[in-house]
């Protein structure tokens, strides 16, 4: 019995010793593995793909009870798109920030309008020296088919509760008064954009007015105006995130891609009806 206790003591002492040695080796080498959520915004910001990405990112962040996710890396290569979806993705990045995650956005070729709107939600923004960015502005695109209807011999009977109820409908010939109302709508949405950027970049909205007229900026111009933190490559952006998060090695957590190629092609191919529906529905764009 004494021999059993003796060998048990030797076993546990050896185990503790081995664990201490491993800890010292790991600590001396500064080896730290860190999970990083990889969010890819590539192409136009639409109301189908982006909500799926935001839902996936939210779930990953909410399920991270043990704080295994150390940061979020946002790859952006987008000219913009839906204002609503841009706001949703922006809020995901702010949510990650509140959860204590370090967030770095990397603008590759273009991160303009909605692309930059999303980037402004990050703690640090790295732009490729050859990238285009900025374009702080909003636009409302409304089709108007009254002339086409006239040529086709089609007329529309519209019964409305107020004179502006059909303001955004394609069957209305718009007046100068309509243009004023719609421009006011666009400016209100633009103010949200401006406010988001000013808050995230530590500036006053009025400080950004000279370049907040929708113009596209080079990466260098954006750096001079404080819209980005530094110029560099994707590698540089990852290194910055590693330093911010205190990790030495990154393990990216990526959203699974659809495996069925035929199904993916069919889902990504809009029918004529869907294209017309998207075209006819009034939306605000960044």
Protein backbone atom coordinates (compact mmCIF):
# COMPACT_ATOMS: atom_id res chain seq x y z
CA UNK A 1 0.00 0.00 0.00
CA UNK A 2 2.87 2.31 0.86
CA UNK A 3 4.47 1.60 -2.51
CA UNK A 4 1.22 2.54 -4.25
CA UNK A 5 1.04 5.90 -2.49
CA UNK A 6 4.72 6.47 -3.19
CA UNK A 7 4.33 5.87 -6.92
CA UNK A 8 1.19 7.99 -7.04
CA UNK A 9 3.14 10.81 -5.41
CA UNK A 10 5.97 10.38 -7.91
CA UNK A 11 3.49 10.37 -10.81
CA UNK A 12 1.70 13.58 -9.78
CA UNK A 13 4.96 15.32 -8.89
CA UNK A 14 6.35 14.45 -12.31
CA UNK A 15 3.14 15.63 -14.00
CA UNK A 16 3.26 18.96 -12.18
CA UNK A 17 6.93 19.31 -13.08
CA UNK A 18 6.27 18.65 -16.75
CA UNK A 19 3.42 21.19 -16.80
CA UNK A 20 5.62 23.81 -15.16
CA UNK A 21 8.38 23.19 -17.72
CA UNK A 22 5.89 23.48 -20.61
CA UNK A 23 4.54 26.71 -19.13
CA UNK A 24 8.03 28.17 -18.82
CA UNK A 25 8.88 27.20 -22.40
CA UNK A 26 5.65 28.70 -23.74
CA UNK A 27 6.14 31.86 -21.70
CA UNK A 28 9.78 32.27 -22.70
CA UNK A 29 8.96 31.90 -26.38
CA UNK A 30 6.00 34.27 -26.10
CA UNK A 31 3.83 31.75 -27.96
CA UNK A 32 0.17 32.73 -27.78
CA UNK A 33 -2.52 31.36 -30.07
CA UNK A 34 -5.48 33.62 -30.70
CA UNK A 35 -8.79 33.01 -32.45
CA UNK A 36 -9.72 35.86 -34.77
CA UNK A 37 -13.09 36.27 -36.45
CA UNK A 38 -12.54 36.85 -40.18
CA UNK A 39 -15.24 39.01 -41.78
CA UNK A 40 -15.06 39.46 -45.53
CA UNK A 41 -16.91 42.29 -47.27
CA UNK A 42 -16.19 41.70 -50.94
CA UNK A 43 -18.29 43.30 -53.65
CA UNK A 44 -21.46 45.36 -53.40
CA UNK A 45 -23.12 45.62 -50.00
CA UNK A 46 -26.53 44.09 -50.61
CA UNK A 47 -29.52 43.18 -48.47
CA UNK A 48 -29.14 39.43 -48.98
CA UNK A 49 -25.51 38.49 -48.45
CA UNK A 50 -24.58 41.03 -45.75
CA UNK A 51 -27.42 40.14 -43.32
CA UNK A 52 -26.24 36.52 -43.48
CA UNK A 53 -22.70 37.60 -42.58
CA UNK A 54 -23.89 39.82 -39.73
CA UNK A 55 -26.05 37.03 -38.30
CA UNK A 56 -23.10 34.62 -38.42
CA UNK A 57 -20.74 37.15 -36.78
CA UNK A 58 -23.23 38.05 -34.04
CA UNK A 59 -23.75 34.39 -33.20
CA UNK A 60 -20.01 33.71 -33.00
CA UNK A 61 -19.47 36.69 -30.70
CA UNK A 62 -22.46 35.92 -28.48
CA UNK A 63 -21.49 32.25 -28.14
CA UNK A 64 -17.94 33.15 -27.12
CA UNK A 65 -18.57 32.66 -23.39
CA UNK A 66 -14.95 31.72 -22.64
CA UNK A 67 -13.48 34.72 -24.49
CA UNK A 68 -11.61 32.57 -26.97
CA UNK A 69 -12.09 35.09 -29.77
CA UNK A 70 -9.42 37.75 -29.30
CA UNK A 71 -10.16 39.97 -32.25
CA UNK A 72 -12.04 40.64 -35.47
CA UNK A 73 -10.32 41.14 -38.83
CA UNK A 74 -12.46 42.83 -41.48
CA UNK A 75 -11.33 42.48 -45.09
CA UNK A 76 -13.02 45.16 -47.19
CA UNK A 77 -13.07 45.38 -50.95
CA UNK A 78 -16.35 47.14 -51.68
CA UNK A 79 -17.57 50.32 -53.40
CA UNK A 80 -20.61 50.49 -51.11
CA UNK A 81 -24.27 49.63 -51.40
CA UNK A 82 -27.25 49.32 -49.09
CA UNK A 83 -27.26 51.89 -46.28
CA UNK A 84 -29.23 49.60 -43.98
CA UNK A 85 -26.90 46.63 -44.42
CA UNK A 86 -23.86 48.89 -43.96
CA UNK A 87 -25.31 50.04 -40.64
CA UNK A 88 -25.96 46.45 -39.56
CA UNK A 89 -22.36 45.43 -40.23
CA UNK A 90 -21.09 48.57 -38.50
CA UNK A 91 -23.08 47.65 -35.40
CA UNK A 92 -21.57 44.15 -35.40
CA UNK A 93 -18.10 45.68 -35.17
CA UNK A 94 -19.17 48.00 -32.36
CA UNK A 95 -20.70 44.99 -30.58
CA UNK A 96 -17.37 43.18 -30.89
CA UNK A 97 -15.64 46.23 -29.45
CA UNK A 98 -18.00 46.26 -26.45
CA UNK A 99 -17.23 42.58 -25.92
CA UNK A 100 -13.56 43.47 -25.53
CA UNK A 101 -12.43 42.26 -28.96
CA UNK A 102 -9.84 44.20 -30.93
CA UNK A 103 -11.16 45.12 -34.37
CA UNK A 104 -8.99 45.96 -37.38
CA UNK A 105 -10.34 46.76 -40.84
CA UNK A 106 -8.20 46.37 -43.93
CA UNK A 107 -9.21 48.21 -47.12
CA UNK A 108 -7.75 46.36 -50.09
CA UNK A 109 -8.57 47.88 -53.49
CA UNK A 110 -11.61 49.96 -52.60
CA UNK A 111 -13.45 50.68 -49.39
CA UNK A 112 -15.66 53.58 -50.35
CA UNK A 113 -19.09 54.77 -49.26
CA UNK A 114 -20.74 51.80 -47.47
CA UNK A 115 -17.39 50.02 -47.52
CA UNK A 116 -15.81 52.84 -45.54
CA UNK A 117 -18.94 53.15 -43.37
CA UNK A 118 -18.30 49.59 -42.19
CA UNK A 119 -14.57 50.19 -41.78
CA UNK A 120 -15.26 53.14 -39.48
CA UNK A 121 -16.63 50.69 -36.92
CA UNK A 122 -13.16 49.24 -36.38
CA UNK A 123 -10.60 50.27 -33.76
CA UNK A 124 -7.92 50.63 -36.45
CA UNK A 125 -8.18 51.05 -40.21
CA UNK A 126 -5.37 49.99 -42.50
CA UNK A 127 -5.60 50.96 -46.17
CA UNK A 128 -3.60 49.58 -49.05
CA UNK A 129 -1.49 52.48 -50.43
CA UNK A 130 -3.18 52.02 -53.82
CA UNK A 131 -6.73 51.82 -52.44
CA UNK A 132 -9.63 54.21 -52.91
CA UNK A 133 -11.80 55.11 -49.95
CA UNK A 134 -13.95 57.84 -48.42
CA UNK A 135 -17.05 58.82 -50.41
CA UNK A 136 -18.96 59.96 -47.35
CA UNK A 137 -22.42 60.53 -48.75
CA UNK A 138 -25.86 59.05 -49.30
CA UNK A 139 -28.01 58.61 -52.35
CA UNK A 140 -31.62 57.58 -52.95
CA UNK A 141 -32.26 56.00 -56.33
CA UNK A 142 -35.85 55.94 -57.54
CA UNK A 143 -36.98 54.69 -60.95
CA UNK A 144 -39.56 56.73 -62.84
CA UNK A 145 -41.48 54.95 -65.60
CA UNK A 146 -44.25 57.41 -66.42
CA UNK A 147 -42.88 58.12 -69.90
CA UNK A 148 -42.41 54.43 -70.61
CA UNK A 149 -45.98 53.73 -69.43
CA UNK A 150 -47.32 56.45 -71.72
CA UNK A 151 -45.55 54.94 -74.72
CA UNK A 152 -46.93 51.50 -73.86
CA UNK A 153 -50.41 52.91 -73.43
CA UNK A 154 -50.55 51.98 -69.75
CA UNK A 155 -52.07 54.28 -67.16
CA UNK A 156 -52.24 53.99 -63.38
CA UNK A 157 -55.10 54.83 -61.05
CA UNK A 158 -53.58 55.78 -57.67
CA UNK A 159 -55.72 56.54 -54.62
CA UNK A 160 -53.77 57.89 -51.66
CA UNK A 161 -54.35 59.29 -48.20
CA UNK A 162 -51.96 62.21 -48.71
CA UNK A 163 -50.26 63.95 -51.59
CA UNK A 164 -46.84 62.46 -50.81
CA UNK A 165 -47.89 58.86 -50.07
CA UNK A 166 -46.66 57.77 -53.51
CA UNK A 167 -43.53 59.96 -53.42
CA UNK A 168 -41.18 57.02 -53.94
CA UNK A 169 -43.29 55.10 -56.43
CA UNK A 170 -42.04 54.70 -60.02
CA UNK A 171 -45.42 55.69 -61.50
CA UNK A 172 -45.25 59.29 -60.30
CA UNK A 173 -43.88 62.19 -62.32
CA UNK A 174 -41.84 64.05 -59.72
CA UNK A 175 -41.99 67.79 -59.25
CA UNK A 176 -39.36 70.25 -57.99
CA UNK A 177 -41.12 70.05 -54.61
CA UNK A 178 -40.65 66.27 -54.63
CA UNK A 179 -36.96 66.72 -55.35
CA UNK A 180 -36.61 68.93 -52.28
CA UNK A 181 -38.26 66.34 -50.04
CA UNK A 182 -36.16 63.49 -51.40
CA UNK A 183 -32.95 65.49 -51.10
CA UNK A 184 -33.80 66.16 -47.45
CA UNK A 185 -34.19 62.42 -46.91
CA UNK A 186 -30.80 61.76 -48.47
CA UNK A 187 -29.19 64.46 -46.35
CA UNK A 188 -30.64 63.01 -43.14
CA UNK A 189 -29.17 59.61 -43.99
CA UNK A 190 -25.88 61.30 -44.90
CA UNK A 191 -25.84 62.91 -41.44
CA UNK A 192 -25.95 59.44 -39.88
CA UNK A 193 -22.91 58.48 -41.98
CA UNK A 194 -21.07 61.63 -40.99
CA UNK A 195 -21.89 61.13 -37.31
CA UNK A 196 -20.66 57.52 -37.35
CA UNK A 197 -17.35 58.50 -38.93
CA UNK A 198 -16.81 61.50 -36.66
CA UNK A 199 -17.48 59.45 -33.52
CA UNK A 200 -15.23 56.56 -34.52
CA UNK A 201 -12.37 58.79 -35.70
CA UNK A 202 -12.52 61.13 -32.70
CA UNK A 203 -13.49 64.18 -34.71
CA UNK A 204 -16.28 66.72 -34.91
CA UNK A 205 -18.68 66.37 -37.86
CA UNK A 206 -17.86 69.88 -39.04
CA UNK A 207 -14.18 68.95 -39.26
CA UNK A 208 -14.99 66.45 -41.99
CA UNK A 209 -17.37 68.62 -44.03
CA UNK A 210 -14.75 69.61 -46.64
CA UNK A 211 -14.45 65.97 -47.75
CA UNK A 212 -17.91 64.71 -46.77
CA UNK A 213 -19.50 65.64 -50.08
CA UNK A 214 -19.35 62.15 -51.53
CA UNK A 215 -15.90 62.48 -53.05
CA UNK A 216 -13.64 59.44 -53.31
CA UNK A 217 -10.21 59.77 -51.70
CA UNK A 218 -6.90 58.06 -52.27
CA UNK A 219 -5.47 56.13 -49.34
CA UNK A 220 -2.90 58.88 -48.78
CA UNK A 221 -5.57 61.60 -48.73
CA UNK A 222 -7.62 59.52 -46.29
CA UNK A 223 -4.57 59.20 -44.06
CA UNK A 224 -3.99 62.96 -44.13
CA UNK A 225 -7.63 63.55 -43.12
CA UNK A 226 -7.47 60.94 -40.38
CA UNK A 227 -9.97 58.59 -42.01
CA UNK A 228 -7.48 55.72 -41.81
CA UNK A 229 -4.74 55.03 -39.27
CA UNK A 230 -1.96 53.76 -41.50
CA UNK A 231 -1.13 52.51 -44.99
CA UNK A 232 -0.09 48.94 -45.52
CA UNK A 233 -0.90 45.49 -46.84
CA UNK A 234 -3.15 42.77 -45.48
CA UNK A 235 -0.07 41.30 -43.78
CA UNK A 236 0.57 44.62 -42.02
CA UNK A 237 -3.06 44.79 -40.89
CA UNK A 238 -2.90 41.29 -39.41
CA UNK A 239 0.35 42.14 -37.60
CA UNK A 240 -1.29 45.25 -36.11
CA UNK A 241 -4.24 43.17 -34.89
CA UNK A 242 -1.90 40.59 -33.35
CA UNK A 243 -0.08 43.30 -31.45
CA UNK A 244 -3.31 44.94 -30.28
CA UNK A 245 -4.79 41.62 -29.13
CA UNK A 246 -1.55 40.44 -27.53
CA UNK A 247 -1.26 37.29 -29.61
CA UNK A 248 1.64 35.82 -31.55
CA UNK A 249 -0.20 33.50 -33.89
CA UNK A 250 -3.61 33.89 -35.50
CA UNK A 251 -6.20 31.21 -36.11
CA UNK A 252 -8.87 32.69 -38.38
CA UNK A 253 -12.50 31.69 -37.85
CA UNK A 254 -14.15 32.01 -41.25
CA UNK A 255 -17.74 31.69 -42.33
CA UNK A 256 -18.17 28.34 -44.11
CA UNK A 257 -18.61 28.60 -47.83
CA UNK A 258 -21.34 26.69 -49.62
CA UNK A 259 -19.99 23.42 -51.00
CA UNK A 260 -22.60 22.69 -53.66
CA UNK A 261 -21.34 24.68 -56.64
CA UNK A 262 -24.54 24.30 -58.68
CA UNK A 263 -26.68 25.39 -55.73
CA UNK A 264 -24.38 28.35 -55.10
CA UNK A 265 -24.62 29.47 -58.72
CA UNK A 266 -28.41 29.19 -58.70
CA UNK A 267 -28.72 31.12 -55.44
CA UNK A 268 -26.42 33.88 -56.63
CA UNK A 269 -28.19 34.24 -59.96
CA UNK A 270 -31.15 36.59 -59.65
CA UNK A 271 -34.15 35.97 -61.82
CA UNK A 272 -35.53 38.77 -63.96
CA UNK A 273 -38.40 39.16 -61.51
CA UNK A 274 -36.03 39.57 -58.56
CA UNK A 275 -33.94 42.10 -60.48
CA UNK A 276 -37.05 44.14 -61.30
CA UNK A 277 -38.19 43.93 -57.70
CA UNK A 278 -34.85 45.24 -56.42
CA UNK A 279 -34.95 47.98 -59.04
CA UNK A 280 -38.46 49.14 -58.19
CA UNK A 281 -38.13 49.13 -54.37
CA UNK A 282 -36.88 52.52 -53.13
CA UNK A 283 -33.68 52.26 -51.08
CA UNK A 284 -31.01 54.49 -49.62
CA UNK A 285 -27.44 53.73 -50.61
CA UNK A 286 -24.01 54.65 -49.31
